[in-house]
């Protein structure tokens, strides 16, 4: 075989050879690769070797694509999911139609979220780019088809954690002259495992306090509670944000919450 018909570069030519001895004026060549170019020579041999006559032929494509025809895939994550595909042209057994998409599978995604990627292409190399949510399960689906026959290959991916979103529903549920009690919901969807929360508040000067992720409210299930104490100023300005494990960047701050430190009754 000199080359696969799917290979276009001269550097991708093959020069594998084999010799077949026959005593008849015909020969059946078995186990040839499909969709390939072949060159050969035929000559007679008696007491001396005859003149070699060259011949060429091509093998046909297969009707159905096969698993080895799928490209080698690698992926990495920045702000987006980048997928690189590389074909070994010598494994292709005919012309192919290729399609790929990414489907979000986590509970916070709807089943109809299917992305067709932005594509960057060169010879036998494709680069795809998808928008993603951190710490989320996706299925990367690749489709090969030929002559209306299709095969599918799925790759399951969980994206790396990213910075958390904004904490939700920051609420003051009770306060007095020197303390303010807060509660809030974690960011949604989760883009990683929460490491801790930070409360920034202005009490004559800006101060910060770190809140353990396990500081859950006893009354409000699934919410985080914390009480700021020893407050001096009659007016307090508060922001809350989250930080994920193994992510250097903090989440975005919640909208500023302004309150006066006068006593109010509890609201359950």
C-alpha atoms as a PDB file:
ATOM      1  CA  UNK A   1       0.000   0.000   0.000  1.00  0.00           C
ATOM      2  CA  UNK A   2       1.350   3.405  -0.920  1.00  0.00           C
ATOM      3  CA  UNK A   3      -1.194   5.468   1.017  1.00  0.00           C
ATOM      4  CA  UNK A   4      -4.703   5.806   2.339  1.00  0.00           C
ATOM      5  CA  UNK A   5      -6.897   7.863   0.031  1.00  0.00           C
ATOM      6  CA  UNK A   6      -7.729   9.975   3.095  1.00  0.00           C
ATOM      7  CA  UNK A   7      -4.101  11.118   3.393  1.00  0.00           C
ATOM      8  CA  UNK A   8      -3.188  14.100   1.259  1.00  0.00           C
ATOM      9  CA  UNK A   9       0.329  14.956   2.343  1.00  0.00           C
ATOM     10  CA  UNK A  10       3.350  13.420   0.653  1.00  0.00           C
ATOM     11  CA  UNK A  11       4.798  12.872   4.105  1.00  0.00           C
ATOM     12  CA  UNK A  12       1.899  10.533   4.859  1.00  0.00           C
ATOM     13  CA  UNK A  13       2.706   8.114   2.044  1.00  0.00           C
ATOM     14  CA  UNK A  14       3.464   4.528   2.993  1.00  0.00           C
ATOM     15  CA  UNK A  15       5.856   2.160   1.326  1.00  0.00           C
ATOM     16  CA  UNK A  16       4.992  -1.200   2.785  1.00  0.00           C
ATOM     17  CA  UNK A  17       5.694  -4.038   0.385  1.00  0.00           C
ATOM     18  CA  UNK A  18       5.026  -7.738   0.124  1.00  0.00           C
ATOM     19  CA  UNK A  19       5.891 -10.404  -2.460  1.00  0.00           C
ATOM     20  CA  UNK A  20       3.444 -13.093  -3.633  1.00  0.00           C
ATOM     21  CA  UNK A  21       4.599 -16.071  -5.722  1.00  0.00           C
ATOM     22  CA  UNK A  22       1.960 -17.678  -7.978  1.00  0.00           C
ATOM     23  CA  UNK A  23       2.019 -20.288 -10.719  1.00  0.00           C
ATOM     24  CA  UNK A  24      -1.203 -19.176 -12.426  1.00  0.00           C
ATOM     25  CA  UNK A  25      -1.886 -16.121 -14.567  1.00  0.00           C
ATOM     26  CA  UNK A  26      -4.129 -14.551 -11.894  1.00  0.00           C
ATOM     27  CA  UNK A  27      -3.872 -13.801  -8.193  1.00  0.00           C
ATOM     28  CA  UNK A  28      -6.292 -12.864  -5.415  1.00  0.00           C
ATOM     29  CA  UNK A  29      -4.837 -10.349  -2.961  1.00  0.00           C
ATOM     30  CA  UNK A  30      -6.499 -10.669   0.457  1.00  0.00           C
ATOM     31  CA  UNK A  31      -6.507  -8.530   3.616  1.00  0.00           C
ATOM     32  CA  UNK A  32      -6.065  -5.240   1.808  1.00  0.00           C
ATOM     33  CA  UNK A  33      -6.874  -2.014   3.578  1.00  0.00           C
ATOM     34  CA  UNK A  34     -10.027  -0.303   2.307  1.00  0.00           C
ATOM     35  CA  UNK A  35     -10.015   3.135   0.711  1.00  0.00           C
ATOM     36  CA  UNK A  36      -6.330   2.882  -0.196  1.00  0.00           C
ATOM     37  CA  UNK A  37      -3.951   3.295  -3.098  1.00  0.00           C
ATOM     38  CA  UNK A  38      -1.770   0.371  -4.087  1.00  0.00           C
ATOM     39  CA  UNK A  39       1.136   0.043  -6.487  1.00  0.00           C
ATOM     40  CA  UNK A  40       2.732  -3.184  -7.601  1.00  0.00           C
ATOM     41  CA  UNK A  41       4.898  -4.930 -10.144  1.00  0.00           C
ATOM     42  CA  UNK A  42       4.368  -8.216 -11.902  1.00  0.00           C
ATOM     43  CA  UNK A  43       6.975 -10.239 -13.718  1.00  0.00           C
ATOM     44  CA  UNK A  44       7.656 -13.745 -14.940  1.00  0.00           C
ATOM     45  CA  UNK A  45      10.408 -15.824 -13.506  1.00  0.00           C
ATOM     46  CA  UNK A  46      11.962 -18.829 -15.196  1.00  0.00           C
ATOM     47  CA  UNK A  47      15.695 -19.321 -15.069  1.00  0.00           C
ATOM     48  CA  UNK A  48      15.938 -15.525 -15.160  1.00  0.00           C
ATOM     49  CA  UNK A  49      13.792 -12.746 -13.827  1.00  0.00           C
ATOM     50  CA  UNK A  50      11.633 -11.072 -16.479  1.00  0.00           C
ATOM     51  CA  UNK A  51      10.937  -7.386 -16.949  1.00  0.00           C
ATOM     52  CA  UNK A  52       8.822  -5.917 -14.189  1.00  0.00           C
ATOM     53  CA  UNK A  53       5.546  -4.319 -15.289  1.00  0.00           C
ATOM     54  CA  UNK A  54       4.031  -1.738 -12.921  1.00  0.00           C
ATOM     55  CA  UNK A  55       0.332  -1.611 -12.060  1.00  0.00           C
ATOM     56  CA  UNK A  56      -1.834   0.479  -9.769  1.00  0.00           C
ATOM     57  CA  UNK A  57      -5.265   0.007  -8.222  1.00  0.00           C
ATOM     58  CA  UNK A  58      -7.517   1.404  -5.507  1.00  0.00           C
ATOM     59  CA  UNK A  59      -9.629  -0.385  -2.923  1.00  0.00           C
ATOM     60  CA  UNK A  60     -13.189   0.685  -2.219  1.00  0.00           C
ATOM     61  CA  UNK A  61     -14.514   2.374   0.902  1.00  0.00           C
ATOM     62  CA  UNK A  62     -16.381   0.363   3.517  1.00  0.00           C
ATOM     63  CA  UNK A  63     -20.118   0.891   3.807  1.00  0.00           C
ATOM     64  CA  UNK A  64     -20.192   1.422   7.588  1.00  0.00           C
ATOM     65  CA  UNK A  65     -17.752   3.507   9.681  1.00  0.00           C
ATOM     66  CA  UNK A  66     -15.776   1.698  12.379  1.00  0.00           C
ATOM     67  CA  UNK A  67     -14.627   2.582  15.901  1.00  0.00           C
ATOM     68  CA  UNK A  68     -10.919   3.065  14.977  1.00  0.00           C
ATOM     69  CA  UNK A  69     -11.953   5.861  12.611  1.00  0.00           C
ATOM     70  CA  UNK A  70     -12.873   8.133  15.519  1.00  0.00           C
ATOM     71  CA  UNK A  71     -10.269  10.844  16.097  1.00  0.00           C
ATOM     72  CA  UNK A  72      -7.982  10.993  19.107  1.00  0.00           C
ATOM     73  CA  UNK A  73      -9.480  13.602  21.445  1.00  0.00           C
ATOM     74  CA  UNK A  74      -7.862  15.742  24.134  1.00  0.00           C
ATOM     75  CA  UNK A  75      -9.490  18.501  26.144  1.00  0.00           C
ATOM     76  CA  UNK A  76      -8.466  21.230  28.531  1.00  0.00           C
ATOM     77  CA  UNK A  77     -10.318  23.939  30.397  1.00  0.00           C
ATOM     78  CA  UNK A  78      -9.765  27.677  30.583  1.00  0.00           C
ATOM     79  CA  UNK A  79     -12.834  29.894  30.785  1.00  0.00           C
ATOM     80  CA  UNK A  80     -14.216  27.551  28.144  1.00  0.00           C
ATOM     81  CA  UNK A  81     -13.865  23.850  27.359  1.00  0.00           C
ATOM     82  CA  UNK A  82     -11.378  23.383  24.513  1.00  0.00           C
ATOM     83  CA  UNK A  83     -11.439  20.072  22.635  1.00  0.00           C
ATOM     84  CA  UNK A  84      -8.758  19.106  20.122  1.00  0.00           C
ATOM     85  CA  UNK A  85      -9.326  16.247  17.693  1.00  0.00           C
ATOM     86  CA  UNK A  86      -6.681  14.608  15.536  1.00  0.00           C
ATOM     87  CA  UNK A  87      -7.292  11.969  12.903  1.00  0.00           C
ATOM     88  CA  UNK A  88      -4.873   9.268  11.889  1.00  0.00           C
ATOM     89  CA  UNK A  89      -5.717   9.425   8.198  1.00  0.00           C
ATOM     90  CA  UNK A  90      -4.425   5.902   7.586  1.00  0.00           C
ATOM     91  CA  UNK A  91      -7.253   4.458   9.699  1.00  0.00           C
ATOM     92  CA  UNK A  92     -10.059   6.078   7.696  1.00  0.00           C
ATOM     93  CA  UNK A  93     -11.921   3.540   5.584  1.00  0.00           C
ATOM     94  CA  UNK A  94     -13.800   6.043   3.445  1.00  0.00           C
ATOM     95  CA  UNK A  95     -15.184   9.585   3.394  1.00  0.00           C
ATOM     96  CA  UNK A  96     -16.845  10.487   6.685  1.00  0.00           C
ATOM     97  CA  UNK A  97     -19.281  13.018   8.017  1.00  0.00           C
ATOM     98  CA  UNK A  98     -18.357  14.136  11.505  1.00  0.00           C
ATOM     99  CA  UNK A  99     -20.477  15.908  14.106  1.00  0.00           C
ATOM    100  CA  UNK A 100     -19.895  16.742  17.752  1.00  0.00           C
ATOM    101  CA  UNK A 101     -21.886  18.439  20.489  1.00  0.00           C
ATOM    102  CA  UNK A 102     -21.774  18.965  24.241  1.00  0.00           C
ATOM    103  CA  UNK A 103     -24.757  18.248  26.499  1.00  0.00           C
ATOM    104  CA  UNK A 104     -25.031  19.419  30.096  1.00  0.00           C
ATOM    105  CA  UNK A 105     -26.107  16.554  32.389  1.00  0.00           C
ATOM    106  CA  UNK A 106     -26.103  18.029  35.905  1.00  0.00           C
ATOM    107  CA  UNK A 107     -29.376  18.606  37.743  1.00  0.00           C
ATOM    108  CA  UNK A 108     -29.181  22.376  37.312  1.00  0.00           C
ATOM    109  CA  UNK A 109     -29.145  21.963  33.531  1.00  0.00           C
ATOM    110  CA  UNK A 110     -32.130  21.219  31.370  1.00  0.00           C
ATOM    111  CA  UNK A 111     -31.821  18.222  29.067  1.00  0.00           C
ATOM    112  CA  UNK A 112     -32.202  20.372  25.972  1.00  0.00           C
ATOM    113  CA  UNK A 113     -28.994  22.330  26.577  1.00  0.00           C
ATOM    114  CA  UNK A 114     -26.967  21.072  23.617  1.00  0.00           C
ATOM    115  CA  UNK A 115     -24.102  23.129  22.226  1.00  0.00           C
ATOM    116  CA  UNK A 116     -22.700  22.971  18.743  1.00  0.00           C
ATOM    117  CA  UNK A 117     -19.164  24.289  19.074  1.00  0.00           C
ATOM    118  CA  UNK A 118     -17.219  27.036  17.507  1.00  0.00           C
ATOM    119  CA  UNK A 119     -14.712  25.282  15.214  1.00  0.00           C
ATOM    120  CA  UNK A 120     -11.123  26.005  14.222  1.00  0.00           C
ATOM    121  CA  UNK A 121      -9.836  23.617  11.551  1.00  0.00           C
ATOM    122  CA  UNK A 122      -6.677  22.616   9.758  1.00  0.00           C
ATOM    123  CA  UNK A 123      -5.621  19.459   7.921  1.00  0.00           C
ATOM    124  CA  UNK A 124      -6.878  16.488   9.965  1.00  0.00           C
ATOM    125  CA  UNK A 125      -6.942  18.658  13.112  1.00  0.00           C
ATOM    126  CA  UNK A 126     -10.041  20.270  14.565  1.00  0.00           C
ATOM    127  CA  UNK A 127     -10.241  22.513  17.612  1.00  0.00           C
ATOM    128  CA  UNK A 128     -13.598  23.044  19.295  1.00  0.00           C
ATOM    129  CA  UNK A 129     -14.601  25.567  21.931  1.00  0.00           C
ATOM    130  CA  UNK A 130     -17.615  25.299  24.274  1.00  0.00           C
ATOM    131  CA  UNK A 131     -19.040  27.604  26.919  1.00  0.00           C
ATOM    132  CA  UNK A 132     -19.290  25.730  30.229  1.00  0.00           C
ATOM    133  CA  UNK A 133     -20.270  25.927  33.881  1.00  0.00           C
ATOM    134  CA  UNK A 134     -17.606  24.919  36.400  1.00  0.00           C
ATOM    135  CA  UNK A 135     -17.933  21.679  38.389  1.00  0.00           C
ATOM    136  CA  UNK A 136     -20.629  20.382  36.058  1.00  0.00           C
ATOM    137  CA  UNK A 137     -21.178  17.042  34.315  1.00  0.00           C
ATOM    138  CA  UNK A 138     -21.222  17.052  30.520  1.00  0.00           C
ATOM    139  CA  UNK A 139     -21.375  14.452  27.771  1.00  0.00           C
ATOM    140  CA  UNK A 140     -19.299  15.085  24.673  1.00  0.00           C
ATOM    141  CA  UNK A 141     -20.943  13.196  21.803  1.00  0.00           C
ATOM    142  CA  UNK A 142     -19.076  12.424  18.590  1.00  0.00           C
ATOM    143  CA  UNK A 143     -20.861  11.049  15.523  1.00  0.00           C
ATOM    144  CA  UNK A 144     -19.306   9.404  12.446  1.00  0.00           C
ATOM    145  CA  UNK A 145     -21.448   8.563   9.435  1.00  0.00           C
ATOM    146  CA  UNK A 146     -20.954   7.178   5.956  1.00  0.00           C
ATOM    147  CA  UNK A 147     -23.567   6.003   3.463  1.00  0.00           C
ATOM    148  CA  UNK A 148     -26.345   6.789   5.967  1.00  0.00           C
ATOM    149  CA  UNK A 149     -24.754   4.478   8.567  1.00  0.00           C
ATOM    150  CA  UNK A 150     -23.845   6.196  11.837  1.00  0.00           C
ATOM    151  CA  UNK A 151     -21.871   5.284  14.954  1.00  0.00           C
ATOM    152  CA  UNK A 152     -21.762   7.296  18.191  1.00  0.00           C
ATOM    153  CA  UNK A 153     -19.081   7.735  20.846  1.00  0.00           C
ATOM    154  CA  UNK A 154     -19.724   9.499  24.166  1.00  0.00           C
ATOM    155  CA  UNK A 155     -17.071  10.986  26.456  1.00  0.00           C
ATOM    156  CA  UNK A 156     -18.150  11.966  29.975  1.00  0.00           C
ATOM    157  CA  UNK A 157     -16.526  15.053  31.459  1.00  0.00           C
ATOM    158  CA  UNK A 158     -16.794  16.875  34.784  1.00  0.00           C
ATOM    159  CA  UNK A 159     -15.468  20.411  34.416  1.00  0.00           C
ATOM    160  CA  UNK A 160     -13.012  21.823  36.920  1.00  0.00           C
ATOM    161  CA  UNK A 161     -14.276  24.102  39.712  1.00  0.00           C
ATOM    162  CA  UNK A 162     -14.373  27.814  39.027  1.00  0.00           C
ATOM    163  CA  UNK A 163     -15.047  30.873  41.176  1.00  0.00           C
ATOM    164  CA  UNK A 164     -18.470  30.746  42.852  1.00  0.00           C
ATOM    165  CA  UNK A 165     -21.440  32.842  41.862  1.00  0.00           C
ATOM    166  CA  UNK A 166     -23.114  35.426  44.070  1.00  0.00           C
ATOM    167  CA  UNK A 167     -24.529  34.254  47.410  1.00  0.00           C
ATOM    168  CA  UNK A 168     -28.306  34.545  47.373  1.00  0.00           C
ATOM    169  CA  UNK A 169     -30.925  36.236  49.504  1.00  0.00           C
ATOM    170  CA  UNK A 170     -28.674  37.891  52.073  1.00  0.00           C
ATOM    171  CA  UNK A 171     -31.141  38.782  54.840  1.00  0.00           C
ATOM    172  CA  UNK A 172     -30.957  40.385  58.292  1.00  0.00           C
ATOM    173  CA  UNK A 173     -33.249  38.360  60.510  1.00  0.00           C
ATOM    174  CA  UNK A 174     -32.593  40.065  63.847  1.00  0.00           C
ATOM    175  CA  UNK A 175     -30.463  42.852  65.313  1.00  0.00           C
ATOM    176  CA  UNK A 176     -29.938  44.997  68.389  1.00  0.00           C
ATOM    177  CA  UNK A 177     -27.729  47.925  69.320  1.00  0.00           C
ATOM    178  CA  UNK A 178     -24.462  45.965  69.001  1.00  0.00           C
ATOM    179  CA  UNK A 179     -25.181  42.952  66.780  1.00  0.00           C
ATOM    180  CA  UNK A 180     -26.692  42.003  63.420  1.00  0.00           C
ATOM    181  CA  UNK A 181     -27.710  38.417  62.552  1.00  0.00           C
ATOM    182  CA  UNK A 182     -27.497  37.410  58.871  1.00  0.00           C
ATOM    183  CA  UNK A 183     -28.612  34.466  56.811  1.00  0.00           C
ATOM    184  CA  UNK A 184     -28.096  33.603  53.131  1.00  0.00           C
ATOM    185  CA  UNK A 185     -28.292  30.834  50.564  1.00  0.00           C
ATOM    186  CA  UNK A 186     -25.191  29.384  48.849  1.00  0.00           C
ATOM    187  CA  UNK A 187     -24.524  30.294  45.190  1.00  0.00           C
ATOM    188  CA  UNK A 188     -26.459  28.342  42.586  1.00  0.00           C
ATOM    189  CA  UNK A 189     -25.552  26.494  40.498  1.00  0.00           C
ATOM    190  CA  UNK A 190     -22.596  25.216  42.513  1.00  0.00           C
ATOM    191  CA  UNK A 191     -19.354  25.735  40.585  1.00  0.00           C
ATOM    192  CA  UNK A 192     -17.227  23.866  43.138  1.00  0.00           C
ATOM    193  CA  UNK A 193     -17.150  22.910  46.803  1.00  0.00           C
ATOM    194  CA  UNK A 194     -17.458  25.893  49.121  1.00  0.00           C
ATOM    195  CA  UNK A 195     -14.361  26.459  51.265  1.00  0.00           C
ATOM    196  CA  UNK A 196     -15.738  29.348  53.310  1.00  0.00           C
ATOM    197  CA  UNK A 197     -17.693  32.585  53.164  1.00  0.00           C
ATOM    198  CA  UNK A 198     -16.467  36.111  53.846  1.00  0.00           C
ATOM    199  CA  UNK A 199     -18.496  38.951  55.323  1.00  0.00           C
ATOM    200  CA  UNK A 200     -17.159  42.445  54.692  1.00  0.00           C
ATOM    201  CA  UNK A 201     -18.792  45.130  56.787  1.00  0.00           C
ATOM    202  CA  UNK A 202     -18.180  48.777  57.578  1.00  0.00           C
ATOM    203  CA  UNK A 203     -18.302  49.559  61.303  1.00  0.00           C
ATOM    204  CA  UNK A 204     -16.403  52.858  61.492  1.00  0.00           C
ATOM    205  CA  UNK A 205     -13.837  51.008  59.315  1.00  0.00           C
ATOM    206  CA  UNK A 206     -13.978  48.088  56.882  1.00  0.00           C
ATOM    207  CA  UNK A 207     -13.618  44.699  58.547  1.00  0.00           C
ATOM    208  CA  UNK A 208     -13.716  41.105  57.331  1.00  0.00           C
ATOM    209  CA  UNK A 209     -14.818  37.914  59.020  1.00  0.00           C
ATOM    210  CA  UNK A 210     -14.498  34.374  57.652  1.00  0.00           C
ATOM    211  CA  UNK A 211     -17.532  32.125  58.072  1.00  0.00           C
ATOM    212  CA  UNK A 212     -17.236  28.333  58.063  1.00  0.00           C
ATOM    213  CA  UNK A 213     -19.285  26.607  55.354  1.00  0.00           C
ATOM    214  CA  UNK A 214     -20.832  24.389  58.058  1.00  0.00           C
ATOM    215  CA  UNK A 215     -22.427  27.343  59.879  1.00  0.00           C
ATOM    216  CA  UNK A 216     -25.893  26.286  58.802  1.00  0.00           C
ATOM    217  CA  UNK A 217     -29.013  27.842  60.291  1.00  0.00           C
ATOM    218  CA  UNK A 218     -31.003  25.759  62.752  1.00  0.00           C
ATOM    219  CA  UNK A 219     -34.304  27.224  61.603  1.00  0.00           C
ATOM    220  CA  UNK A 220     -33.767  27.866  57.880  1.00  0.00           C
ATOM    221  CA  UNK A 221     -32.671  24.614  56.304  1.00  0.00           C
ATOM    222  CA  UNK A 222     -29.910  24.899  53.684  1.00  0.00           C
ATOM    223  CA  UNK A 223     -29.033  28.477  54.642  1.00  0.00           C
ATOM    224  CA  UNK A 224     -25.940  29.858  56.362  1.00  0.00           C
ATOM    225  CA  UNK A 225     -26.310  31.955  59.519  1.00  0.00           C
ATOM    226  CA  UNK A 226     -23.833  34.260  61.225  1.00  0.00           C
ATOM    227  CA  UNK A 227     -24.088  37.070  63.791  1.00  0.00           C
ATOM    228  CA  UNK A 228     -21.860  40.144  63.731  1.00  0.00           C
ATOM    229  CA  UNK A 229     -21.208  41.292  67.299  1.00  0.00           C
ATOM    230  CA  UNK A 230     -19.576  44.188  69.172  1.00  0.00           C
ATOM    231  CA  UNK A 231     -20.697  46.678  66.562  1.00  0.00           C
ATOM    232  CA  UNK A 232     -19.945  50.323  67.330  1.00  0.00           C
ATOM    233  CA  UNK A 233     -21.476  52.278  64.467  1.00  0.00           C
ATOM    234  CA  UNK A 234     -25.227  52.994  64.285  1.00  0.00           C
ATOM    235  CA  UNK A 235     -25.152  52.288  60.528  1.00  0.00           C
ATOM    236  CA  UNK A 236     -23.617  49.135  59.057  1.00  0.00           C
ATOM    237  CA  UNK A 237     -22.858  48.300  55.392  1.00  0.00           C
ATOM    238  CA  UNK A 238     -22.519  44.596  54.604  1.00  0.00           C
ATOM    239  CA  UNK A 239     -21.340  42.446  51.638  1.00  0.00           C
ATOM    240  CA  UNK A 240     -21.012  38.655  51.544  1.00  0.00           C
ATOM    241  CA  UNK A 241     -19.150  36.391  49.107  1.00  0.00           C
ATOM    242  CA  UNK A 242     -18.040  32.777  48.827  1.00  0.00           C
ATOM    243  CA  UNK A 243     -14.759  31.025  48.019  1.00  0.00           C
ATOM    244  CA  UNK A 244     -14.428  27.574  46.464  1.00  0.00           C
ATOM    245  CA  UNK A 245     -11.839  24.936  47.324  1.00  0.00           C
ATOM    246  CA  UNK A 246      -8.822  24.914  44.954  1.00  0.00           C
ATOM    247  CA  UNK A 247      -9.929  28.131  43.260  1.00  0.00           C
ATOM    248  CA  UNK A 248      -7.864  31.245  43.942  1.00  0.00           C
ATOM    249  CA  UNK A 249     -10.459  33.759  42.840  1.00  0.00           C
ATOM    250  CA  UNK A 250     -13.268  34.723  45.225  1.00  0.00           C
ATOM    251  CA  UNK A 251     -16.873  34.866  44.152  1.00  0.00           C
ATOM    252  CA  UNK A 252     -18.542  38.156  43.349  1.00  0.00           C
ATOM    253  CA  UNK A 253     -19.720  40.260  46.275  1.00  0.00           C
ATOM    254  CA  UNK A 254     -23.418  40.401  47.063  1.00  0.00           C
ATOM    255  CA  UNK A 255     -25.208  43.701  46.667  1.00  0.00           C
ATOM    256  CA  UNK A 256     -24.440  46.037  49.590  1.00  0.00           C
ATOM    257  CA  UNK A 257     -26.839  45.665  52.513  1.00  0.00           C
ATOM    258  CA  UNK A 258     -27.365  48.754  54.692  1.00  0.00           C
ATOM    259  CA  UNK A 259     -28.858  48.555  58.162  1.00  0.00           C
ATOM    260  CA  UNK A 260     -29.102  50.483  61.390  1.00  0.00           C
ATOM    261  CA  UNK A 261     -28.222  48.725  64.645  1.00  0.00           C
ATOM    262  CA  UNK A 262     -31.487  49.248  66.430  1.00  0.00           C
ATOM    263  CA  UNK A 263     -33.267  46.300  67.970  1.00  0.00           C
ATOM    264  CA  UNK A 264     -36.015  44.505  66.068  1.00  0.00           C
ATOM    265  CA  UNK A 265     -37.970  41.386  66.756  1.00  0.00           C
ATOM    266  CA  UNK A 266     -36.999  38.059  65.182  1.00  0.00           C
ATOM    267  CA  UNK A 267     -38.768  36.951  62.009  1.00  0.00           C
ATOM    268  CA  UNK A 268     -39.192  33.225  61.529  1.00  0.00           C
END
